[in-house]
Amino acid sequence: METPKQNPEFEWIAASRQGDSQAFGKLVEKYQREVYGLLFRLSGNDDMAEDIAQDTFVTVWEKLSSFQERGPFRAWLFRIALNKLRSFWRRKKILSWLSLDHLKEDGQQSLEETLADPFRDSDPANSMEDPHLQKQINEALRLLPSRQREVIVLRAQDMEIHEIASILGVAEGTIKAHLFEAKKKLQQQLQSLLSS
């Protein structure tokens, strides 16, 4: 575990708890892109991801005093972001039940756009990837159950198993099982999609 001397994040958290908005700004600056990327990949909607990311940081500011340093700040932050996204989807589902309008919202993106890295163009090496293969991977991801998709997207964000377990609020063994099943399903889907 890191110590405050190794990571200034500890100082920023302590100062933010005392109401220091500049210190909190440093936390936002450090994690803003990661939180947005996670939400964008899971929601597929740029505006939604931005709004929920902003709402996530507002909640973090309000609830920072409840952060217990037993686990990483990043995992606590991602859990809040994921919960915000789930709450949004629940509200959206309820509203769709109450509405007769089932048309796609303006600005909603395809799954290919959903799972594409919004910062991908900043790395020239990524521009050589096969767009057909990317489309096939995105189609395979779309077919996964939502919990398995969450696990695999978080793992793709370089999250450790224990961090994913903390974010999703389940045991590490459950995460490993979801990851195993997701990989197996992805392999099967990709074999059938690529052979056709």
C-alpha atoms as a PDB file:
ATOM      1  CA  MET A   1       0.000   0.000   0.000  1.00  0.00           C
ATOM      2  CA  GLU A   2       1.271   3.438  -0.920  1.00  0.00           C
ATOM      3  CA  THR A   3       2.090   6.045   1.672  1.00  0.00           C
ATOM      4  CA  PRO A   4       1.340   9.778   1.465  1.00  0.00           C
ATOM      5  CA  LYS A   5       4.987  10.456   0.566  1.00  0.00           C
ATOM      6  CA  GLN A   6       4.678   8.190  -2.476  1.00  0.00           C
ATOM      7  CA  ASN A   7       1.341   9.524  -3.671  1.00  0.00           C
ATOM      8  CA  PRO A   8       0.095  13.110  -3.311  1.00  0.00           C
ATOM      9  CA  GLU A   9      -3.453  11.812  -3.702  1.00  0.00           C
ATOM     10  CA  PHE A  10      -3.589  11.189   0.054  1.00  0.00           C
ATOM     11  CA  GLU A  11      -2.854  14.871   0.696  1.00  0.00           C
ATOM     12  CA  TRP A  12      -5.465  15.949  -1.857  1.00  0.00           C
ATOM     13  CA  ILE A  13      -8.096  13.759  -0.206  1.00  0.00           C
ATOM     14  CA  ALA A  14      -7.258  15.097   3.264  1.00  0.00           C
ATOM     15  CA  ALA A  15      -7.298  18.704   2.055  1.00  0.00           C
ATOM     16  CA  SER A  16     -10.545  18.137   0.120  1.00  0.00           C
ATOM     17  CA  ARG A  17     -12.173  16.802   3.283  1.00  0.00           C
ATOM     18  CA  GLN A  18     -11.311  20.152   4.865  1.00  0.00           C
ATOM     19  CA  GLY A  19     -13.091  21.981   2.018  1.00  0.00           C
ATOM     20  CA  ASP A  20     -10.057  22.756  -0.176  1.00  0.00           C
ATOM     21  CA  SER A  21     -11.587  22.977  -3.658  1.00  0.00           C
ATOM     22  CA  GLN A  22      -8.169  23.298  -5.339  1.00  0.00           C
ATOM     23  CA  ALA A  23      -7.066  19.964  -3.885  1.00  0.00           C
ATOM     24  CA  PHE A  24     -10.337  18.424  -5.024  1.00  0.00           C
ATOM     25  CA  GLY A  25      -9.713  19.911  -8.463  1.00  0.00           C
ATOM     26  CA  LYS A  26      -6.477  17.914  -8.601  1.00  0.00           C
ATOM     27  CA  LEU A  27      -8.396  14.718  -7.840  1.00  0.00           C
ATOM     28  CA  VAL A  28     -10.892  15.564 -10.575  1.00  0.00           C
ATOM     29  CA  GLU A  29      -8.080  16.317 -13.001  1.00  0.00           C
ATOM     30  CA  LYS A  30      -6.407  13.005 -12.202  1.00  0.00           C
ATOM     31  CA  TYR A  31      -9.519  10.837 -12.632  1.00  0.00           C
ATOM     32  CA  GLN A  32     -11.826  12.788 -14.946  1.00  0.00           C
ATOM     33  CA  ARG A  33     -10.724  11.072 -18.144  1.00  0.00           C
ATOM     34  CA  GLU A  34     -10.899   7.562 -16.635  1.00  0.00           C
ATOM     35  CA  VAL A  35     -14.373   8.093 -15.180  1.00  0.00           C
ATOM     36  CA  TYR A  36     -15.649   9.560 -18.443  1.00  0.00           C
ATOM     37  CA  GLY A  37     -14.086   6.691 -20.438  1.00  0.00           C
ATOM     38  CA  LEU A  38     -15.699   4.068 -18.215  1.00  0.00           C
ATOM     39  CA  LEU A  39     -19.107   5.720 -18.444  1.00  0.00           C
ATOM     40  CA  PHE A  40     -18.801   6.270 -22.187  1.00  0.00           C
ATOM     41  CA  ARG A  41     -17.908   2.642 -22.849  1.00  0.00           C
ATOM     42  CA  LEU A  42     -20.812   1.408 -20.746  1.00  0.00           C
ATOM     43  CA  SER A  43     -23.432   3.934 -21.902  1.00  0.00           C
ATOM     44  CA  GLY A  44     -22.441   4.650 -25.495  1.00  0.00           C
ATOM     45  CA  ASN A  45     -23.564   8.222 -25.170  1.00  0.00           C
ATOM     46  CA  ASP A  46     -21.105  11.107 -24.969  1.00  0.00           C
ATOM     47  CA  ASP A  47     -23.495  13.593 -23.358  1.00  0.00           C
ATOM     48  CA  MET A  48     -24.761  11.025 -20.866  1.00  0.00           C
ATOM     49  CA  ALA A  49     -21.200  10.042 -19.936  1.00  0.00           C
ATOM     50  CA  GLU A  50     -20.220  13.683 -19.408  1.00  0.00           C
ATOM     51  CA  ASP A  51     -23.305  14.427 -17.302  1.00  0.00           C
ATOM     52  CA  ILE A  52     -22.931  11.335 -15.140  1.00  0.00           C
ATOM     53  CA  ALA A  53     -19.196  11.926 -14.733  1.00  0.00           C
ATOM     54  CA  GLN A  54     -19.905  15.460 -13.531  1.00  0.00           C
ATOM     55  CA  ASP A  55     -22.612  14.190 -11.195  1.00  0.00           C
ATOM     56  CA  THR A  56     -20.177  11.549  -9.917  1.00  0.00           C
ATOM     57  CA  PHE A  57     -17.637  14.183  -8.904  1.00  0.00           C
ATOM     58  CA  VAL A  58     -20.331  16.301  -7.241  1.00  0.00           C
ATOM     59  CA  THR A  59     -21.305  13.261  -5.156  1.00  0.00           C
ATOM     60  CA  VAL A  60     -17.663  12.507  -4.367  1.00  0.00           C
ATOM     61  CA  TRP A  61     -17.214  16.088  -3.109  1.00  0.00           C
ATOM     62  CA  GLU A  62     -20.336  15.781  -0.953  1.00  0.00           C
ATOM     63  CA  LYS A  63     -19.521  12.292   0.384  1.00  0.00           C
ATOM     64  CA  LEU A  64     -15.726  12.476   0.660  1.00  0.00           C
ATOM     65  CA  SER A  65     -15.982  12.401   4.436  1.00  0.00           C
ATOM     66  CA  SER A  66     -17.498   8.906   4.166  1.00  0.00           C
ATOM     67  CA  PHE A  67     -14.571   7.548   2.134  1.00  0.00           C
ATOM     68  CA  GLN A  68     -12.801   4.973   4.273  1.00  0.00           C
ATOM     69  CA  GLU A  69      -9.240   4.458   3.230  1.00  0.00           C
ATOM     70  CA  ARG A  70      -9.473   0.685   3.545  1.00  0.00           C
ATOM     71  CA  GLY A  71      -9.521   0.437  -0.235  1.00  0.00           C
ATOM     72  CA  PRO A  72      -8.238   2.524  -3.119  1.00  0.00           C
ATOM     73  CA  PHE A  73      -9.868   5.874  -3.808  1.00  0.00           C
ATOM     74  CA  ARG A  74     -10.103   4.934  -7.501  1.00  0.00           C
ATOM     75  CA  ALA A  75     -12.265   1.889  -6.724  1.00  0.00           C
ATOM     76  CA  TRP A  76     -14.564   3.975  -4.499  1.00  0.00           C
ATOM     77  CA  LEU A  77     -14.844   6.596  -7.256  1.00  0.00           C
ATOM     78  CA  PHE A  78     -15.623   3.993  -9.941  1.00  0.00           C
ATOM     79  CA  ARG A  79     -18.280   2.418  -7.705  1.00  0.00           C
ATOM     80  CA  ILE A  80     -20.009   5.795  -7.390  1.00  0.00           C
ATOM     81  CA  ALA A  81     -19.819   6.336 -11.169  1.00  0.00           C
ATOM     82  CA  LEU A  82     -21.238   2.878 -11.894  1.00  0.00           C
ATOM     83  CA  ASN A  83     -24.043   3.359  -9.359  1.00  0.00           C
ATOM     84  CA  LYS A  84     -24.898   6.734 -10.937  1.00  0.00           C
ATOM     85  CA  LEU A  85     -25.075   5.093 -14.355  1.00  0.00           C
ATOM     86  CA  ARG A  86     -27.274   2.259 -13.064  1.00  0.00           C
ATOM     87  CA  SER A  87     -29.595   4.783 -11.399  1.00  0.00           C
ATOM     88  CA  PHE A  88     -29.843   6.702 -14.651  1.00  0.00           C
ATOM     89  CA  TRP A  89     -30.740   3.521 -16.548  1.00  0.00           C
ATOM     90  CA  ARG A  90     -33.394   2.612 -13.948  1.00  0.00           C
ATOM     91  CA  ARG A  91     -34.954   6.074 -14.256  1.00  0.00           C
ATOM     92  CA  LYS A  92     -34.798   5.857 -18.052  1.00  0.00           C
ATOM     93  CA  LYS A  93     -36.461   2.415 -18.019  1.00  0.00           C
ATOM     94  CA  ILE A  94     -39.263   3.656 -15.766  1.00  0.00           C
ATOM     95  CA  LEU A  95     -39.801   6.695 -17.966  1.00  0.00           C
ATOM     96  CA  SER A  96     -39.916   4.509 -21.078  1.00  0.00           C
ATOM     97  CA  TRP A  97     -42.611   2.358 -19.442  1.00  0.00           C
ATOM     98  CA  LEU A  98     -44.620   5.502 -18.786  1.00  0.00           C
ATOM     99  CA  SER A  99     -44.110   6.812 -22.304  1.00  0.00           C
ATOM    100  CA  LEU A 100     -45.441   5.539 -25.590  1.00  0.00           C
ATOM    101  CA  ASP A 101     -42.405   6.923 -27.402  1.00  0.00           C
ATOM    102  CA  HIS A 102     -39.849   4.129 -27.791  1.00  0.00           C
ATOM    103  CA  LEU A 103     -37.754   5.840 -30.437  1.00  0.00           C
ATOM    104  CA  LYS A 104     -34.004   6.164 -30.059  1.00  0.00           C
ATOM    105  CA  GLU A 105     -32.893   9.315 -28.333  1.00  0.00           C
ATOM    106  CA  ASP A 106     -30.939  11.818 -30.380  1.00  0.00           C
ATOM    107  CA  GLY A 107     -27.256  11.388 -29.820  1.00  0.00           C
ATOM    108  CA  GLN A 108     -27.440   7.695 -28.911  1.00  0.00           C
ATOM    109  CA  GLN A 109     -24.570   5.800 -30.459  1.00  0.00           C
ATOM    110  CA  SER A 110     -24.137   2.345 -31.863  1.00  0.00           C
ATOM    111  CA  LEU A 111     -22.397  -0.295 -29.795  1.00  0.00           C
ATOM    112  CA  GLU A 112     -19.328   0.090 -31.994  1.00  0.00           C
ATOM    113  CA  GLU A 113     -19.162   3.753 -30.985  1.00  0.00           C
ATOM    114  CA  THR A 114     -20.035   2.816 -27.405  1.00  0.00           C
ATOM    115  CA  LEU A 115     -17.049   0.589 -26.843  1.00  0.00           C
ATOM    116  CA  ALA A 116     -14.600   2.479 -28.996  1.00  0.00           C
ATOM    117  CA  ASP A 117     -11.984   4.332 -27.019  1.00  0.00           C
ATOM    118  CA  PRO A 118     -12.881   8.043 -27.269  1.00  0.00           C
ATOM    119  CA  PHE A 119      -9.186   8.883 -26.958  1.00  0.00           C
ATOM    120  CA  ARG A 120      -8.069   6.287 -29.488  1.00  0.00           C
ATOM    121  CA  ASP A 121      -7.266   8.796 -32.237  1.00  0.00           C
ATOM    122  CA  SER A 122      -4.673  10.406 -29.991  1.00  0.00           C
ATOM    123  CA  ASP A 123      -2.480   7.315 -30.407  1.00  0.00           C
ATOM    124  CA  PRO A 124      -1.411   6.849 -34.040  1.00  0.00           C
ATOM    125  CA  ALA A 125      -0.599   3.168 -33.413  1.00  0.00           C
ATOM    126  CA  ASN A 126      -4.292   2.486 -32.767  1.00  0.00           C
ATOM    127  CA  SER A 127      -5.361   3.902 -36.117  1.00  0.00           C
ATOM    128  CA  MET A 128      -3.961   0.801 -37.834  1.00  0.00           C
ATOM    129  CA  GLU A 129      -6.473  -1.502 -36.132  1.00  0.00           C
ATOM    130  CA  ASP A 130      -8.878  -3.388 -38.377  1.00  0.00           C
ATOM    131  CA  PRO A 131     -12.286  -1.615 -38.176  1.00  0.00           C
ATOM    132  CA  HIS A 132     -14.089  -4.833 -39.180  1.00  0.00           C
ATOM    133  CA  LEU A 133     -12.462  -6.718 -36.307  1.00  0.00           C
ATOM    134  CA  GLN A 134     -13.345  -3.892 -33.896  1.00  0.00           C
ATOM    135  CA  LYS A 135     -16.953  -4.105 -35.047  1.00  0.00           C
ATOM    136  CA  GLN A 136     -16.971  -7.878 -34.472  1.00  0.00           C
ATOM    137  CA  ILE A 137     -15.521  -7.459 -30.966  1.00  0.00           C
ATOM    138  CA  ASN A 138     -18.117  -4.825 -30.120  1.00  0.00           C
ATOM    139  CA  GLU A 139     -20.909  -7.088 -31.379  1.00  0.00           C
ATOM    140  CA  ALA A 140     -19.599  -9.925 -29.211  1.00  0.00           C
ATOM    141  CA  LEU A 141     -19.443  -7.610 -26.176  1.00  0.00           C
ATOM    142  CA  ARG A 142     -23.009  -6.459 -26.812  1.00  0.00           C
ATOM    143  CA  LEU A 143     -24.206 -10.053 -26.548  1.00  0.00           C
ATOM    144  CA  LEU A 144     -22.752 -10.537 -23.055  1.00  0.00           C
ATOM    145  CA  PRO A 145     -25.009 -10.269 -20.002  1.00  0.00           C
ATOM    146  CA  SER A 146     -24.681  -6.808 -18.449  1.00  0.00           C
ATOM    147  CA  ARG A 147     -22.720  -7.947 -15.350  1.00  0.00           C
ATOM    148  CA  GLN A 148     -20.191  -9.830 -17.487  1.00  0.00           C
ATOM    149  CA  ARG A 149     -19.883  -6.819 -19.800  1.00  0.00           C
ATOM    150  CA  GLU A 150     -19.261  -4.561 -16.782  1.00  0.00           C
ATOM    151  CA  VAL A 151     -16.553  -6.898 -15.490  1.00  0.00           C
ATOM    152  CA  ILE A 152     -14.757  -7.173 -18.816  1.00  0.00           C
ATOM    153  CA  VAL A 153     -14.914  -3.406 -19.488  1.00  0.00           C
ATOM    154  CA  LEU A 154     -13.553  -2.654 -16.014  1.00  0.00           C
ATOM    155  CA  ARG A 155     -10.801  -5.237 -16.523  1.00  0.00           C
ATOM    156  CA  ALA A 156      -9.977  -3.560 -19.846  1.00  0.00           C
ATOM    157  CA  GLN A 157      -9.516  -0.359 -17.819  1.00  0.00           C
ATOM    158  CA  ASP A 158      -6.560  -2.111 -16.125  1.00  0.00           C
ATOM    159  CA  MET A 159      -8.525  -2.680 -12.941  1.00  0.00           C
ATOM    160  CA  GLU A 160      -7.356  -5.474 -10.654  1.00  0.00           C
ATOM    161  CA  ILE A 161      -9.786  -8.243  -9.650  1.00  0.00           C
ATOM    162  CA  HIS A 162     -10.028  -6.931  -6.072  1.00  0.00           C
ATOM    163  CA  GLU A 163     -10.784  -3.408  -7.357  1.00  0.00           C
ATOM    164  CA  ILE A 164     -13.549  -4.679  -9.653  1.00  0.00           C
ATOM    165  CA  ALA A 165     -14.985  -6.683  -6.756  1.00  0.00           C
ATOM    166  CA  SER A 166     -14.964  -3.563  -4.608  1.00  0.00           C
ATOM    167  CA  ILE A 167     -16.618  -1.452  -7.313  1.00  0.00           C
ATOM    168  CA  LEU A 168     -19.358  -3.983  -8.023  1.00  0.00           C
ATOM    169  CA  GLY A 169     -19.767  -4.984  -4.390  1.00  0.00           C
ATOM    170  CA  VAL A 170     -19.277  -8.710  -4.912  1.00  0.00           C
ATOM    171  CA  ALA A 171     -16.683 -11.307  -3.946  1.00  0.00           C
ATOM    172  CA  GLU A 172     -13.454 -11.675  -5.928  1.00  0.00           C
ATOM    173  CA  GLY A 173     -14.433 -15.245  -6.767  1.00  0.00           C
ATOM    174  CA  THR A 174     -17.628 -13.969  -8.370  1.00  0.00           C
ATOM    175  CA  ILE A 175     -15.626 -11.504 -10.466  1.00  0.00           C
ATOM    176  CA  LYS A 176     -13.267 -14.276 -11.567  1.00  0.00           C
ATOM    177  CA  ALA A 177     -16.245 -16.436 -12.537  1.00  0.00           C
ATOM    178  CA  HIS A 178     -17.847 -13.578 -14.519  1.00  0.00           C
ATOM    179  CA  LEU A 179     -14.521 -12.846 -16.196  1.00  0.00           C
ATOM    180  CA  PHE A 180     -14.005 -16.509 -17.091  1.00  0.00           C
ATOM    181  CA  GLU A 181     -17.522 -16.814 -18.517  1.00  0.00           C
ATOM    182  CA  ALA A 182     -17.221 -13.506 -20.393  1.00  0.00           C
ATOM    183  CA  LYS A 183     -13.930 -14.552 -21.989  1.00  0.00           C
ATOM    184  CA  LYS A 184     -15.360 -17.944 -22.938  1.00  0.00           C
ATOM    185  CA  LYS A 185     -18.461 -16.356 -24.490  1.00  0.00           C
ATOM    186  CA  LEU A 186     -16.366 -13.759 -26.296  1.00  0.00           C
ATOM    187  CA  GLN A 187     -14.156 -16.461 -27.779  1.00  0.00           C
ATOM    188  CA  GLN A 188     -17.197 -18.423 -28.950  1.00  0.00           C
ATOM    189  CA  GLN A 189     -18.898 -15.338 -30.356  1.00  0.00           C
ATOM    190  CA  LEU A 190     -15.792 -14.114 -32.120  1.00  0.00           C
ATOM    191  CA  GLN A 191     -15.104 -17.525 -33.647  1.00  0.00           C
ATOM    192  CA  SER A 192     -18.632 -17.685 -35.049  1.00  0.00           C
ATOM    193  CA  LEU A 193     -18.687 -14.025 -36.124  1.00  0.00           C
ATOM    194  CA  LEU A 194     -15.269 -14.155 -37.786  1.00  0.00           C
ATOM    195  CA  SER A 195     -15.933 -17.473 -39.537  1.00  0.00           C
ATOM    196  CA  SER A 196     -19.107 -16.155 -41.157  1.00  0.00           C
END
